[in-house]
Amino acid sequence: MTAMERCELQDLLVRIDERVKTIQEDIREINLARRCVSHHVKIKTLERMVWGCLAGVAGLGGRMLLDVFR
């Protein structure tokens, strides 16, 4: 690969990186504009359910360990 080809490839990569960044910014703006309150509430509820289930499983695991060591 010659120095000229490397330079061209580097320029191409820089342009691609700039395009990707602009696309990411556009997507971020769209996501912020389309944020829905009801979806946010549903997500919070799901997160609470997951953490509750995780706490329950951890509690059962701890209880099983205590029973095993007794």
N, C-alpha and C. Protein backbone atom coordinates (compact mmCIF):
# COMPACT_ATOMS: atom_id res chain seq x y z
N MET A 1 0.84 -1.16 0.00
CA MET A 1 0.00 0.00 0.00
C MET A 1 0.89 1.24 0.00
N THR A 2 0.64 2.13 -0.90
CA THR A 2 1.46 3.33 -0.99
C THR A 2 0.96 4.40 -0.03
N ALA A 3 1.78 5.42 0.13
CA ALA A 3 1.43 6.51 1.04
C ALA A 3 0.18 7.24 0.55
N MET A 4 0.04 7.34 -0.77
CA MET A 4 -1.13 8.02 -1.34
C MET A 4 -2.41 7.24 -1.02
N GLU A 5 -2.35 5.91 -1.15
CA GLU A 5 -3.52 5.09 -0.85
C GLU A 5 -3.88 5.18 0.63
N ARG A 6 -2.87 5.20 1.47
CA ARG A 6 -3.12 5.33 2.91
C ARG A 6 -3.79 6.65 3.22
N CYS A 7 -3.32 7.70 2.59
CA CYS A 7 -3.90 9.02 2.80
C CYS A 7 -5.36 9.04 2.35
N GLU A 8 -5.64 8.46 1.20
CA GLU A 8 -7.01 8.41 0.69
C GLU A 8 -7.91 7.60 1.62
N LEU A 9 -7.39 6.47 2.09
CA LEU A 9 -8.17 5.65 3.01
C LEU A 9 -8.43 6.38 4.32
N GLN A 10 -7.44 7.09 4.81
CA GLN A 10 -7.62 7.83 6.05
C GLN A 10 -8.66 8.93 5.87
N ASP A 11 -8.61 9.63 4.75
CA ASP A 11 -9.62 10.66 4.47
C ASP A 11 -11.02 10.04 4.38
N LEU A 12 -11.12 8.89 3.74
CA LEU A 12 -12.40 8.20 3.62
C LEU A 12 -12.93 7.80 5.00
N LEU A 13 -12.05 7.28 5.85
CA LEU A 13 -12.46 6.89 7.20
C LEU A 13 -12.92 8.10 8.01
N VAL A 14 -12.25 9.22 7.84
CA VAL A 14 -12.65 10.44 8.55
C VAL A 14 -14.04 10.88 8.10
N ARG A 15 -14.30 10.85 6.80
CA ARG A 15 -15.62 11.23 6.29
C ARG A 15 -16.70 10.27 6.78
N ILE A 16 -16.39 8.98 6.79
CA ILE A 16 -17.36 8.00 7.28
C ILE A 16 -17.65 8.25 8.76
N ASP A 17 -16.62 8.52 9.53
CA ASP A 17 -16.78 8.79 10.96
C ASP A 17 -17.66 10.02 11.17
N GLU A 18 -17.45 11.07 10.38
CA GLU A 18 -18.27 12.27 10.50
C GLU A 18 -19.73 11.98 10.17
N ARG A 19 -19.96 11.18 9.14
CA ARG A 19 -21.33 10.82 8.77
C ARG A 19 -22.01 10.03 9.88
N VAL A 20 -21.28 9.08 10.45
CA VAL A 20 -21.83 8.26 11.53
C VAL A 20 -22.19 9.15 12.72
N LYS A 21 -21.33 10.10 13.05
CA LYS A 21 -21.61 11.00 14.16
C LYS A 21 -22.85 11.84 13.91
N THR A 22 -23.00 12.35 12.70
CA THR A 22 -24.20 13.15 12.39
C THR A 22 -25.46 12.29 12.45
N ILE A 23 -25.36 11.06 11.99
CA ILE A 23 -26.52 10.15 12.06
C ILE A 23 -26.87 9.86 13.51
N GLN A 24 -25.86 9.63 14.35
CA GLN A 24 -26.11 9.38 15.77
C GLN A 24 -26.77 10.59 16.43
N GLU A 25 -26.33 11.79 16.09
CA GLU A 25 -26.94 12.99 16.64
C GLU A 25 -28.39 13.13 16.19
N ASP A 26 -28.66 12.84 14.91
CA ASP A 26 -30.03 12.89 14.41
C ASP A 26 -30.92 11.89 15.13
N ILE A 27 -30.43 10.68 15.33
CA ILE A 27 -31.20 9.66 16.04
C ILE A 27 -31.45 10.09 17.47
N ARG A 28 -30.45 10.67 18.11
CA ARG A 28 -30.62 11.14 19.49
C ARG A 28 -31.70 12.22 19.57
N GLU A 29 -31.70 13.14 18.60
CA GLU A 29 -32.72 14.20 18.57
C GLU A 29 -34.11 13.61 18.35
N ILE A 30 -34.20 12.64 17.45
CA ILE A 30 -35.49 12.00 17.18
C ILE A 30 -35.99 11.29 18.43
N ASN A 31 -35.12 10.58 19.10
CA ASN A 31 -35.51 9.86 20.32
C ASN A 31 -35.98 10.82 21.40
N LEU A 32 -35.31 11.95 21.53
CA LEU A 32 -35.73 12.93 22.54
C LEU A 32 -37.07 13.55 22.18
N ALA A 33 -37.31 13.79 20.90
CA ALA A 33 -38.56 14.40 20.45
C ALA A 33 -39.72 13.42 20.57
N ARG A 34 -39.47 12.14 20.43
CA ARG A 34 -40.53 11.13 20.44
C ARG A 34 -40.72 10.47 21.79
N ARG A 35 -40.09 10.99 22.81
CA ARG A 35 -40.18 10.38 24.14
C ARG A 35 -41.64 10.43 24.61
N CYS A 36 -42.13 9.30 25.01
CA CYS A 36 -43.53 9.17 25.41
C CYS A 36 -43.59 8.88 26.90
N VAL A 37 -44.44 9.61 27.60
CA VAL A 37 -44.55 9.47 29.05
C VAL A 37 -45.05 8.08 29.43
N SER A 38 -46.00 7.56 28.68
CA SER A 38 -46.55 6.25 29.04
C SER A 38 -45.50 5.16 28.88
N HIS A 39 -44.65 5.28 27.87
CA HIS A 39 -43.58 4.29 27.71
C HIS A 39 -42.58 4.39 28.85
N HIS A 40 -42.33 5.60 29.29
CA HIS A 40 -41.39 5.79 30.39
C HIS A 40 -41.92 5.13 31.66
N VAL A 41 -43.22 5.28 31.90
CA VAL A 41 -43.84 4.67 33.07
C VAL A 41 -43.78 3.14 32.96
N LYS A 42 -44.05 2.61 31.76
CA LYS A 42 -44.01 1.16 31.56
C LYS A 42 -42.60 0.62 31.80
N ILE A 43 -41.61 1.35 31.32
CA ILE A 43 -40.22 0.91 31.50
C ILE A 43 -39.86 0.92 32.98
N LYS A 44 -40.28 1.97 33.71
CA LYS A 44 -39.99 2.02 35.14
C LYS A 44 -40.64 0.85 35.87
N THR A 45 -41.89 0.54 35.48
CA THR A 45 -42.58 -0.58 36.10
C THR A 45 -41.86 -1.88 35.83
N LEU A 46 -41.42 -2.09 34.59
CA LEU A 46 -40.68 -3.29 34.26
C LEU A 46 -39.37 -3.38 35.03
N GLU A 47 -38.68 -2.25 35.16
CA GLU A 47 -37.43 -2.25 35.93
C GLU A 47 -37.69 -2.64 37.38
N ARG A 48 -38.76 -2.12 37.97
CA ARG A 48 -39.08 -2.47 39.35
C ARG A 48 -39.41 -3.94 39.48
N MET A 49 -40.14 -4.49 38.49
CA MET A 49 -40.46 -5.92 38.52
C MET A 49 -39.20 -6.77 38.45
N VAL A 50 -38.28 -6.38 37.57
CA VAL A 50 -37.04 -7.14 37.42
C VAL A 50 -36.23 -7.08 38.71
N TRP A 51 -36.09 -5.89 39.30
CA TRP A 51 -35.33 -5.78 40.54
C TRP A 51 -36.01 -6.55 41.67
N GLY A 52 -37.34 -6.55 41.69
CA GLY A 52 -38.07 -7.31 42.70
C GLY A 52 -37.84 -8.80 42.55
N CYS A 53 -37.90 -9.28 41.31
CA CYS A 53 -37.64 -10.70 41.06
C CYS A 53 -36.21 -11.06 41.43
N LEU A 54 -35.29 -10.19 41.10
CA LEU A 54 -33.88 -10.43 41.44
C LEU A 54 -33.69 -10.49 42.95
N ALA A 55 -34.34 -9.59 43.67
CA ALA A 55 -34.24 -9.60 45.14
C ALA A 55 -34.86 -10.87 45.70
N GLY A 56 -35.99 -11.31 45.13
CA GLY A 56 -36.62 -12.55 45.58
C GLY A 56 -35.74 -13.76 45.36
N VAL A 57 -35.14 -13.84 44.19
CA VAL A 57 -34.26 -14.97 43.89
C VAL A 57 -33.03 -14.94 44.80
N ALA A 58 -32.49 -13.76 45.04
CA ALA A 58 -31.34 -13.64 45.94
C ALA A 58 -31.72 -14.07 47.35
N GLY A 59 -32.93 -13.68 47.79
CA GLY A 59 -33.39 -14.08 49.11
C GLY A 59 -33.54 -15.59 49.22
N LEU A 60 -34.14 -16.20 48.19
CA LEU A 60 -34.29 -17.66 48.20
C LEU A 60 -32.93 -18.35 48.18
N GLY A 61 -32.01 -17.81 47.40
CA GLY A 61 -30.66 -18.39 47.36
C GLY A 61 -29.97 -18.29 48.69
N GLY A 62 -30.11 -17.15 49.36
CA GLY A 62 -29.51 -16.98 50.68
C GLY A 62 -30.12 -17.93 51.69
N ARG A 63 -31.43 -18.08 51.63
CA ARG A 63 -32.11 -18.99 52.55
C ARG A 63 -31.67 -20.44 52.32
N MET A 64 -31.53 -20.82 51.05
CA MET A 64 -31.07 -22.18 50.73
C MET A 64 -29.66 -22.41 51.26
N LEU A 65 -28.79 -21.41 51.11
CA LEU A 65 -27.43 -21.54 51.63
C LEU A 65 -27.42 -21.69 53.15
N LEU A 66 -28.27 -20.91 53.81
CA LEU A 66 -28.34 -21.04 55.27
C LEU A 66 -28.81 -22.43 55.66
N ASP A 67 -29.81 -22.97 54.97
CA ASP A 67 -30.31 -24.32 55.27
C ASP A 67 -29.24 -25.37 55.00
N VAL A 68 -28.44 -25.18 53.97
CA VAL A 68 -27.40 -26.15 53.64
C VAL A 68 -26.31 -26.15 54.71
N PHE A 69 -25.95 -24.99 55.22
CA PHE A 69 -24.87 -24.92 56.21
C PHE A 69 -25.33 -25.26 57.62
N ARG A 70 -26.61 -25.40 57.84
CA ARG A 70 -27.09 -25.76 59.19
C ARG A 70 -27.06 -27.20 59.36
